Amino acid sequence: MERNVKLFSGTATSYLAENIASSYGQPLGNVNVARFSDGEISPSFNESIRGCDVFIIQSTFAPSDNLME
């Protein structure tokens, strides 16, 4: 049984995510991260992830926005 894997990048470490995706042999998925004036963050996947194994590559190092994203 073959698994459908999707890789996505947060905004903190896109260079790392690109290298991982390249090594895995797959492009990064399409994700949009909107930031509102009150500090809220709204990430959204711009493709179907239903039934897929999803990996989000994001640093949790300070600032705390990285973790909340």
C-alpha atoms as a PDB file:
ATOM      1  CA  MET A   1       0.000   0.000   0.000  1.00  0.00           C
ATOM      2  CA  GLU A   2       1.569   3.262  -1.138  1.00  0.00           C
ATOM      3  CA  ARG A   3       1.105   6.328   1.087  1.00  0.00           C
ATOM      4  CA  ASN A   4       0.526   9.770  -0.333  1.00  0.00           C
ATOM      5  CA  VAL A   5       2.904  12.111   1.496  1.00  0.00           C
ATOM      6  CA  LYS A   6       2.708  15.911   1.378  1.00  0.00           C
ATOM      7  CA  LEU A   7       5.367  18.258   2.738  1.00  0.00           C
ATOM      8  CA  PHE A   8       4.623  21.838   3.748  1.00  0.00           C
ATOM      9  CA  SER A   9       6.815  24.656   5.011  1.00  0.00           C
ATOM     10  CA  GLY A  10       6.166  27.236   7.673  1.00  0.00           C
ATOM     11  CA  THR A  11       7.616  30.702   7.183  1.00  0.00           C
ATOM     12  CA  ALA A  12      10.487  30.368   9.676  1.00  0.00           C
ATOM     13  CA  THR A  13      12.628  27.752   7.920  1.00  0.00           C
ATOM     14  CA  SER A  14      11.624  27.594   4.273  1.00  0.00           C
ATOM     15  CA  TYR A  15      15.236  26.909   3.202  1.00  0.00           C
ATOM     16  CA  LEU A  16      15.307  23.790   5.405  1.00  0.00           C
ATOM     17  CA  ALA A  17      11.939  22.610   4.081  1.00  0.00           C
ATOM     18  CA  GLU A  18      13.101  23.071   0.477  1.00  0.00           C
ATOM     19  CA  ASN A  19      16.196  20.960   1.144  1.00  0.00           C
ATOM     20  CA  ILE A  20      14.155  18.227   2.831  1.00  0.00           C
ATOM     21  CA  ALA A  21      11.625  18.177  -0.019  1.00  0.00           C
ATOM     22  CA  SER A  22      14.434  18.017  -2.570  1.00  0.00           C
ATOM     23  CA  SER A  23      16.047  15.097  -0.738  1.00  0.00           C
ATOM     24  CA  TYR A  24      12.672  13.366  -0.521  1.00  0.00           C
ATOM     25  CA  GLY A  25      12.149  13.921  -4.265  1.00  0.00           C
ATOM     26  CA  GLN A  26       8.913  15.843  -3.951  1.00  0.00           C
ATOM     27  CA  PRO A  27       7.968  19.533  -4.198  1.00  0.00           C
ATOM     28  CA  LEU A  28       6.648  21.437  -1.213  1.00  0.00           C
ATOM     29  CA  GLY A  29       2.888  21.744  -0.945  1.00  0.00           C
ATOM     30  CA  ASN A  30       1.034  24.994  -1.543  1.00  0.00           C
ATOM     31  CA  VAL A  31       0.247  26.764   1.740  1.00  0.00           C
ATOM     32  CA  ASN A  32      -0.655  30.385   2.439  1.00  0.00           C
ATOM     33  CA  VAL A  33       0.017  32.080   5.788  1.00  0.00           C
ATOM     34  CA  ALA A  34      -1.992  35.263   6.357  1.00  0.00           C
ATOM     35  CA  ARG A  35      -1.046  37.636   9.166  1.00  0.00           C
ATOM     36  CA  PHE A  36      -3.685  40.028  10.434  1.00  0.00           C
ATOM     37  CA  SER A  37      -3.029  43.468  11.944  1.00  0.00           C
ATOM     38  CA  ASP A  38      -3.995  42.232  15.432  1.00  0.00           C
ATOM     39  CA  GLY A  39      -1.245  39.574  15.350  1.00  0.00           C
ATOM     40  CA  GLU A  40      -3.459  36.606  14.477  1.00  0.00           C
ATOM     41  CA  ILE A  41      -2.054  34.042  12.045  1.00  0.00           C
ATOM     42  CA  SER A  42      -4.176  32.072   9.592  1.00  0.00           C
ATOM     43  CA  PRO A  43      -2.407  29.281   7.680  1.00  0.00           C
ATOM     44  CA  SER A  44      -4.408  27.518   4.962  1.00  0.00           C
ATOM     45  CA  PHE A  45      -3.600  24.623   2.660  1.00  0.00           C
ATOM     46  CA  ASN A  46      -4.305  25.448  -0.988  1.00  0.00           C
ATOM     47  CA  GLU A  47      -4.587  21.817  -2.052  1.00  0.00           C
ATOM     48  CA  SER A  48      -6.351  18.715  -0.839  1.00  0.00           C
ATOM     49  CA  ILE A  49      -4.643  16.875   2.006  1.00  0.00           C
ATOM     50  CA  ARG A  50      -7.433  14.366   2.583  1.00  0.00           C
ATOM     51  CA  GLY A  51      -6.069  10.867   3.126  1.00  0.00           C
ATOM     52  CA  CYS A  52      -2.449  12.041   2.980  1.00  0.00           C
ATOM     53  CA  ASP A  53       0.364  11.838   5.478  1.00  0.00           C
ATOM     54  CA  VAL A  54       1.180  15.515   6.070  1.00  0.00           C
ATOM     55  CA  PHE A  55       4.466  16.839   7.439  1.00  0.00           C
ATOM     56  CA  ILE A  56       4.800  20.506   8.365  1.00  0.00           C
ATOM     57  CA  ILE A  57       8.394  21.681   8.596  1.00  0.00           C
ATOM     58  CA  GLN A  58       8.626  24.655  10.947  1.00  0.00           C
ATOM     59  CA  SER A  59      11.028  25.807  13.621  1.00  0.00           C
ATOM     60  CA  THR A  60       9.577  26.312  17.089  1.00  0.00           C
ATOM     61  CA  PHE A  61      12.464  28.530  18.132  1.00  0.00           C
ATOM     62  CA  ALA A  62      11.598  32.052  19.330  1.00  0.00           C
ATOM     63  CA  PRO A  63       9.616  34.156  18.560  1.00  0.00           C
ATOM     64  CA  SER A  64       6.509  32.343  19.736  1.00  0.00           C
ATOM     65  CA  ASP A  65       4.779  33.122  16.413  1.00  0.00           C
ATOM     66  CA  ASN A  66       6.753  30.231  14.913  1.00  0.00           C
ATOM     67  CA  LEU A  67       5.089  27.779  17.288  1.00  0.00           C
ATOM     68  CA  MET A  68       1.621  29.313  16.912  1.00  0.00           C
ATOM     69  CA  GLU A  69       1.835  29.258  13.115  1.00  0.00           C
END
